Amino acid sequence: MAVRLLLVAGAPDDAILDAMVCHPMLVNRPIRSSPRGVRLCRPSGVVFGLLDRPLPDGFVKEDDTPMVAQDG
């Protein structure tokens, strides 16, 4: 089941924490903010659309998995 939440800018910490308690899947989701928008980046390849520049060659995730942009 997909969960869609909207928290407005300046939402109180209690509202954010309540959402995390009600929907624990939010806790393990990297959030990326850039001039291109804000996204929950799971799977991690979702982040490519928000980056200002391509990843450097040989970039690996924290678990040593190579990260390759969707376009190659």
PDB file of N, CA and C in Angstrom:
ATOM      1  N   MET A   1       0.832  -1.176   0.000  1.00  0.00           N
ATOM      2  CA  MET A   1       0.000   0.000   0.000  1.00  0.00           C
ATOM      3  C   MET A   1       0.878   1.242   0.000  1.00  0.00           C
ATOM      4  N   ALA A   2       0.689   2.115  -0.925  1.00  0.00           N
ATOM      5  CA  ALA A   2       1.458   3.350  -0.996  1.00  0.00           C
ATOM      6  C   ALA A   2       0.878   4.360  -0.013  1.00  0.00           C
ATOM      7  N   VAL A   3       1.766   5.092   0.622  1.00  0.00           N
ATOM      8  CA  VAL A   3       1.360   6.128   1.555  1.00  0.00           C
ATOM      9  C   VAL A   3       1.833   7.457   1.012  1.00  0.00           C
ATOM     10  N   ARG A   4       0.944   8.409   0.938  1.00  0.00           N
ATOM     11  CA  ARG A   4       1.306   9.746   0.461  1.00  0.00           C
ATOM     12  C   ARG A   4       1.048  10.730   1.592  1.00  0.00           C
ATOM     13  N   LEU A   5       2.092  11.411   1.993  1.00  0.00           N
ATOM     14  CA  LEU A   5       1.984  12.404   3.051  1.00  0.00           C
ATOM     15  C   LEU A   5       2.431  13.744   2.521  1.00  0.00           C
ATOM     16  N   LEU A   6       1.838  14.789   3.020  1.00  0.00           N
ATOM     17  CA  LEU A   6       2.245  16.131   2.661  1.00  0.00           C
ATOM     18  C   LEU A   6       2.499  16.894   3.946  1.00  0.00           C
ATOM     19  N   LEU A   7       3.732  17.310   4.144  1.00  0.00           N
ATOM     20  CA  LEU A   7       4.073  18.152   5.273  1.00  0.00           C
ATOM     21  C   LEU A   7       4.470  19.507   4.717  1.00  0.00           C
ATOM     22  N   VAL A   8       3.842  20.519   5.214  1.00  0.00           N
ATOM     23  CA  VAL A   8       4.125  21.868   4.734  1.00  0.00           C
ATOM     24  C   VAL A   8       5.430  22.370   5.335  1.00  0.00           C
ATOM     25  N   ALA A   9       6.048  23.329   4.658  1.00  0.00           N
ATOM     26  CA  ALA A   9       7.255  23.949   5.182  1.00  0.00           C
ATOM     27  C   ALA A   9       6.949  24.507   6.573  1.00  0.00           C
ATOM     28  N   GLY A  10       7.827  24.264   7.492  1.00  0.00           N
ATOM     29  CA  GLY A  10       7.638  24.748   8.848  1.00  0.00           C
ATOM     30  C   GLY A  10       6.756  23.853   9.704  1.00  0.00           C
ATOM     31  N   ALA A  11       6.458  22.645   9.213  1.00  0.00           N
ATOM     32  CA  ALA A  11       5.646  21.719  10.011  1.00  0.00           C
ATOM     33  C   ALA A  11       6.352  21.466  11.338  1.00  0.00           C
ATOM     34  N   PRO A  12       5.594  21.421  12.427  1.00  0.00           N
ATOM     35  CA  PRO A  12       6.231  21.198  13.730  1.00  0.00           C
ATOM     36  C   PRO A  12       6.857  19.806  13.808  1.00  0.00           C
ATOM     37  N   ASP A  13       7.913  19.717  14.579  1.00  0.00           N
ATOM     38  CA  ASP A  13       8.609  18.435  14.745  1.00  0.00           C
ATOM     39  C   ASP A  13       7.652  17.333  15.184  1.00  0.00           C
ATOM     40  N   ASP A  14       6.694  17.663  16.055  1.00  0.00           N
ATOM     41  CA  ASP A  14       5.743  16.651  16.522  1.00  0.00           C
ATOM     42  C   ASP A  14       4.945  16.041  15.373  1.00  0.00           C
ATOM     43  N   ALA A  15       4.571  16.859  14.391  1.00  0.00           N
ATOM     44  CA  ALA A  15       3.815  16.343  13.240  1.00  0.00           C
ATOM     45  C   ALA A  15       4.677  15.397  12.416  1.00  0.00           C
ATOM     46  N   ILE A  16       5.939  15.757  12.242  1.00  0.00           N
ATOM     47  CA  ILE A  16       6.857  14.900  11.481  1.00  0.00           C
ATOM     48  C   ILE A  16       7.089  13.585  12.226  1.00  0.00           C
ATOM     49  N   LEU A  17       7.335  13.669  13.529  1.00  0.00           N
ATOM     50  CA  LEU A  17       7.566  12.461  14.318  1.00  0.00           C
ATOM     51  C   LEU A  17       6.317  11.585  14.367  1.00  0.00           C
ATOM     52  N   ASP A  18       5.146  12.188  14.479  1.00  0.00           N
ATOM     53  CA  ASP A  18       3.907  11.402  14.463  1.00  0.00           C
ATOM     54  C   ASP A  18       3.757  10.651  13.145  1.00  0.00           C
ATOM     55  N   ALA A  19       4.074  11.307  12.032  1.00  0.00           N
ATOM     56  CA  ALA A  19       3.990  10.650  10.723  1.00  0.00           C
ATOM     57  C   ALA A  19       4.965   9.483  10.653  1.00  0.00           C
ATOM     58  N   MET A  20       6.155   9.655  11.211  1.00  0.00           N
ATOM     59  CA  MET A  20       7.154   8.584  11.189  1.00  0.00           C
ATOM     60  C   MET A  20       6.719   7.400  12.049  1.00  0.00           C
ATOM     61  N   VAL A  21       6.043   7.671  13.175  1.00  0.00           N
ATOM     62  CA  VAL A  21       5.553   6.590  14.038  1.00  0.00           C
ATOM     63  C   VAL A  21       4.412   5.844  13.351  1.00  0.00           C
ATOM     64  N   CYS A  22       3.521   6.591  12.706  1.00  0.00           N
ATOM     65  CA  CYS A  22       2.383   5.968  12.024  1.00  0.00           C
ATOM     66  C   CYS A  22       2.799   5.207  10.767  1.00  0.00           C
ATOM     67  N   HIS A  23       3.879   5.658  10.134  1.00  0.00           N
ATOM     68  CA  HIS A  23       4.341   5.079   8.867  1.00  0.00           C
ATOM     69  C   HIS A  23       5.853   4.835   8.955  1.00  0.00           C
ATOM     70  N   PRO A  24       6.283   3.767   9.662  1.00  0.00           N
ATOM     71  CA  PRO A  24       7.710   3.522   9.905  1.00  0.00           C
ATOM     72  C   PRO A  24       8.556   3.446   8.637  1.00  0.00           C
ATOM     73  N   MET A  25       7.939   3.134   7.504  1.00  0.00           N
ATOM     74  CA  MET A  25       8.732   3.068   6.278  1.00  0.00           C
ATOM     75  C   MET A  25       9.374   4.411   5.941  1.00  0.00           C
ATOM     76  N   LEU A  26       8.851   5.501   6.479  1.00  0.00           N
ATOM     77  CA  LEU A  26       9.432   6.819   6.222  1.00  0.00           C
ATOM     78  C   LEU A  26      10.793   6.990   6.881  1.00  0.00           C
ATOM     79  N   VAL A  27      11.044   6.242   7.920  1.00  0.00           N
ATOM     80  CA  VAL A  27      12.286   6.400   8.677  1.00  0.00           C
ATOM     81  C   VAL A  27      13.491   5.961   7.853  1.00  0.00           C
ATOM     82  N   ASN A  28      13.335   4.949   7.027  1.00  0.00           N
ATOM     83  CA  ASN A  28      14.445   4.420   6.250  1.00  0.00           C
ATOM     84  C   ASN A  28      14.344   4.871   4.794  1.00  0.00           C
ATOM     85  N   ARG A  29      14.144   6.136   4.586  1.00  0.00           N
ATOM     86  CA  ARG A  29      14.043   6.665   3.236  1.00  0.00           C
ATOM     87  C   ARG A  29      14.902   7.917   3.136  1.00  0.00           C
ATOM     88  N   PRO A  30      15.940   7.851   2.338  1.00  0.00           N
ATOM     89  CA  PRO A  30      16.757   9.059   2.181  1.00  0.00           C
ATOM     90  C   PRO A  30      15.958  10.135   1.440  1.00  0.00           C
ATOM     91  N   ILE A  31      15.984  11.320   1.981  1.00  0.00           N
ATOM     92  CA  ILE A  31      15.278  12.439   1.371  1.00  0.00           C
ATOM     93  C   ILE A  31      16.314  13.369   0.758  1.00  0.00           C
ATOM     94  N   ARG A  32      16.117  13.716  -0.501  1.00  0.00           N
ATOM     95  CA  ARG A  32      17.040  14.596  -1.224  1.00  0.00           C
ATOM     96  C   ARG A  32      16.290  15.860  -1.608  1.00  0.00           C
ATOM     97  N   SER A  33      16.892  16.985  -1.272  1.00  0.00           N
ATOM     98  CA  SER A  33      16.329  18.281  -1.632  1.00  0.00           C
ATOM     99  C   SER A  33      17.319  18.996  -2.533  1.00  0.00           C
ATOM    100  N   SER A  34      16.842  19.557  -3.622  1.00  0.00           N
ATOM    101  CA  SER A  34      17.689  20.314  -4.536  1.00  0.00           C
ATOM    102  C   SER A  34      16.825  21.356  -5.230  1.00  0.00           C
ATOM    103  N   PRO A  35      17.429  22.251  -5.993  1.00  0.00           N
ATOM    104  CA  PRO A  35      16.622  23.211  -6.744  1.00  0.00           C
ATOM    105  C   PRO A  35      15.643  22.537  -7.711  1.00  0.00           C
ATOM    106  N   ARG A  36      15.886  21.277  -8.028  1.00  0.00           N
ATOM    107  CA  ARG A  36      15.000  20.536  -8.938  1.00  0.00           C
ATOM    108  C   ARG A  36      13.824  19.884  -8.223  1.00  0.00           C
ATOM    109  N   GLY A  37      13.792  19.943  -6.893  1.00  0.00           N
ATOM    110  CA  GLY A  37      12.685  19.380  -6.139  1.00  0.00           C
ATOM    111  C   GLY A  37      13.149  18.576  -4.938  1.00  0.00           C
ATOM    112  N   VAL A  38      12.198  17.933  -4.289  1.00  0.00           N
ATOM    113  CA  VAL A  38      12.447  17.093  -3.122  1.00  0.00           C
ATOM    114  C   VAL A  38      11.822  15.734  -3.391  1.00  0.00           C
ATOM    115  N   ARG A  39      12.579  14.669  -3.118  1.00  0.00           N
ATOM    116  CA  ARG A  39      12.054  13.315  -3.354  1.00  0.00           C
ATOM    117  C   ARG A  39      12.542  12.368  -2.278  1.00  0.00           C
ATOM    118  N   LEU A  40      11.729  11.363  -2.020  1.00  0.00           N
ATOM    119  CA  LEU A  40      12.181  10.217  -1.246  1.00  0.00           C
ATOM    120  C   LEU A  40      12.920   9.327  -2.232  1.00  0.00           C
ATOM    121  N   CYS A  41      14.155   9.050  -1.974  1.00  0.00           N
ATOM    122  CA  CYS A  41      15.007   8.383  -2.970  1.00  0.00           C
ATOM    123  C   CYS A  41      15.199   6.908  -2.662  1.00  0.00           C
ATOM    124  N   ARG A  42      14.154   6.148  -2.816  1.00  0.00           N
ATOM    125  CA  ARG A  42      14.218   4.710  -2.670  1.00  0.00           C
ATOM    126  C   ARG A  42      13.461   4.133  -3.832  1.00  0.00           C
ATOM    127  N   PRO A  43      14.021   3.389  -4.729  1.00  0.00           N
ATOM    128  CA  PRO A  43      15.414   2.966  -4.725  1.00  0.00           C
ATOM    129  C   PRO A  43      16.346   4.153  -4.956  1.00  0.00           C
ATOM    130  N   SER A  44      17.576   3.957  -4.584  1.00  0.00           N
ATOM    131  CA  SER A  44      18.536   5.056  -4.577  1.00  0.00           C
ATOM    132  C   SER A  44      18.746   5.692  -5.950  1.00  0.00           C
ATOM    133  N   GLY A  45      18.482   4.984  -7.026  1.00  0.00           N
ATOM    134  CA  GLY A  45      18.643   5.545  -8.364  1.00  0.00           C
ATOM    135  C   GLY A  45      17.689   6.693  -8.658  1.00  0.00           C
ATOM    136  N   VAL A  46      16.639   6.846  -7.850  1.00  0.00           N
ATOM    137  CA  VAL A  46      15.688   7.942  -8.028  1.00  0.00           C
ATOM    138  C   VAL A  46      16.387   9.294  -7.902  1.00  0.00           C
ATOM    139  N   VAL A  47      17.476   9.336  -7.159  1.00  0.00           N
ATOM    140  CA  VAL A  47      18.176  10.595  -6.902  1.00  0.00           C
ATOM    141  C   VAL A  47      18.791  11.203  -8.169  1.00  0.00           C
ATOM    142  N   PHE A  48      19.041  10.414  -9.183  1.00  0.00           N
ATOM    143  CA  PHE A  48      19.717  10.939 -10.380  1.00  0.00           C
ATOM    144  C   PHE A  48      18.977  12.115 -11.009  1.00  0.00           C
ATOM    145  N   GLY A  49      17.655  12.106 -10.973  1.00  0.00           N
ATOM    146  CA  GLY A  49      16.886  13.195 -11.550  1.00  0.00           C
ATOM    147  C   GLY A  49      17.001  14.509 -10.799  1.00  0.00           C
ATOM    148  N   LEU A  50      17.545  14.472  -9.586  1.00  0.00           N
ATOM    149  CA  LEU A  50      17.686  15.680  -8.775  1.00  0.00           C
ATOM    150  C   LEU A  50      19.105  16.227  -8.729  1.00  0.00           C
ATOM    151  N   LEU A  51      20.060  15.476  -9.245  1.00  0.00           N
ATOM    152  CA  LEU A  51      21.459  15.902  -9.162  1.00  0.00           C
ATOM    153  C   LEU A  51      21.779  16.995 -10.176  1.00  0.00           C
ATOM    154  N   ASP A  52      22.674  17.895  -9.772  1.00  0.00           N
ATOM    155  CA  ASP A  52      23.113  18.983 -10.644  1.00  0.00           C
ATOM    156  C   ASP A  52      24.155  18.530 -11.660  1.00  0.00           C
ATOM    157  N   ARG A  53      24.842  17.443 -11.357  1.00  0.00           N
ATOM    158  CA  ARG A  53      25.902  16.943 -12.237  1.00  0.00           C
ATOM    159  C   ARG A  53      25.942  15.418 -12.136  1.00  0.00           C
ATOM    160  N   PRO A  54      26.542  14.762 -13.105  1.00  0.00           N
ATOM    161  CA  PRO A  54      26.600  13.290 -13.049  1.00  0.00           C
ATOM    162  C   PRO A  54      27.515  12.806 -11.924  1.00  0.00           C
ATOM    163  N   LEU A  55      27.267  11.584 -11.506  1.00  0.00           N
ATOM    164  CA  LEU A  55      28.145  10.979 -10.503  1.00  0.00           C
ATOM    165  C   LEU A  55      29.538  10.772 -11.081  1.00  0.00           C
ATOM    166  N   PRO A  56      30.565  10.859 -10.250  1.00  0.00           N
ATOM    167  CA  PRO A  56      31.911  10.566 -10.746  1.00  0.00           C
ATOM    168  C   PRO A  56      32.047   9.086 -11.086  1.00  0.00           C
ATOM    169  N   ASP A  57      32.899   8.769 -12.026  1.00  0.00           N
ATOM    170  CA  ASP A  57      33.162   7.363 -12.363  1.00  0.00           C
ATOM    171  C   ASP A  57      33.628   6.623 -11.124  1.00  0.00           C
ATOM    172  N   GLY A  58      33.140   5.422 -10.951  1.00  0.00           N
ATOM    173  CA  GLY A  58      33.577   4.590  -9.836  1.00  0.00           C
ATOM    174  C   GLY A  58      32.864   4.882  -8.524  1.00  0.00           C
ATOM    175  N   PHE A  59      31.814   5.701  -8.538  1.00  0.00           N
ATOM    176  CA  PHE A  59      31.096   6.017  -7.311  1.00  0.00           C
ATOM    177  C   PHE A  59      30.373   4.767  -6.810  1.00  0.00           C
ATOM    178  N   VAL A  60      30.503   4.488  -5.505  1.00  0.00           N
ATOM    179  CA  VAL A  60      29.838   3.331  -4.911  1.00  0.00           C
ATOM    180  C   VAL A  60      29.023   3.763  -3.702  1.00  0.00           C
ATOM    181  N   LYS A  61      27.955   3.016  -3.428  1.00  0.00           N
ATOM    182  CA  LYS A  61      27.131   3.278  -2.253  1.00  0.00           C
ATOM    183  C   LYS A  61      27.872   2.794  -1.010  1.00  0.00           C
ATOM    184  N   GLU A  62      27.276   3.094   0.157  1.00  0.00           N
ATOM    185  CA  GLU A  62      27.910   2.732   1.425  1.00  0.00           C
ATOM    186  C   GLU A  62      28.084   1.228   1.591  1.00  0.00           C
ATOM    187  N   ASP A  63      27.310   0.420   0.848  1.00  0.00           N
ATOM    188  CA  ASP A  63      27.451  -1.037   0.939  1.00  0.00           C
ATOM    189  C   ASP A  63      28.349  -1.594  -0.172  1.00  0.00           C
ATOM    190  N   ASP A  64      29.115  -0.703  -0.815  1.00  0.00           N
ATOM    191  CA  ASP A  64      30.050  -1.036  -1.897  1.00  0.00           C
ATOM    192  C   ASP A  64      29.373  -1.448  -3.198  1.00  0.00           C
ATOM    193  N   THR A  65      28.084  -1.159  -3.338  1.00  0.00           N
ATOM    194  CA  THR A  65      27.379  -1.405  -4.594  1.00  0.00           C
ATOM    195  C   THR A  65      27.668  -0.257  -5.547  1.00  0.00           C
ATOM    196  N   PRO A  66      28.129  -0.554  -6.764  1.00  0.00           N
ATOM    197  CA  PRO A  66      28.388   0.532  -7.722  1.00  0.00           C
ATOM    198  C   PRO A  66      27.098   1.272  -8.073  1.00  0.00           C
ATOM    199  N   MET A  67      27.194   2.584  -8.170  1.00  0.00           N
ATOM    200  CA  MET A  67      26.058   3.402  -8.608  1.00  0.00           C
ATOM    201  C   MET A  67      26.313   3.806 -10.055  1.00  0.00           C
ATOM    202  N   VAL A  68      25.398   3.440 -10.914  1.00  0.00           N
ATOM    203  CA  VAL A  68      25.499   3.778 -12.327  1.00  0.00           C
ATOM    204  C   VAL A  68      24.243   4.534 -12.704  1.00  0.00           C
ATOM    205  N   ALA A  69      24.406   5.698 -13.324  1.00  0.00           N
ATOM    206  CA  ALA A  69      23.270   6.508 -13.717  1.00  0.00           C
ATOM    207  C   ALA A  69      22.371   5.727 -14.673  1.00  0.00           C
ATOM    208  N   GLN A  70      21.093   6.053 -14.675  1.00  0.00           N
ATOM    209  CA  GLN A  70      20.115   5.334 -15.490  1.00  0.00           C
ATOM    210  C   GLN A  70      20.450   5.420 -16.980  1.00  0.00           C
ATOM    211  N   ASP A  71      21.145   6.469 -17.379  1.00  0.00           N
ATOM    212  CA  ASP A  71      21.482   6.600 -18.800  1.00  0.00           C
ATOM    213  C   ASP A  71      22.823   5.983 -19.141  1.00  0.00           C
ATOM    214  N   GLY A  72      23.394   5.235 -18.208  1.00  0.00           N
ATOM    215  CA  GLY A  72      24.599   4.524 -18.540  1.00  0.00           C
ATOM    216  C   GLY A  72      25.717   4.744 -17.620  1.00  0.00           C
TER     217      GLY A  72
END
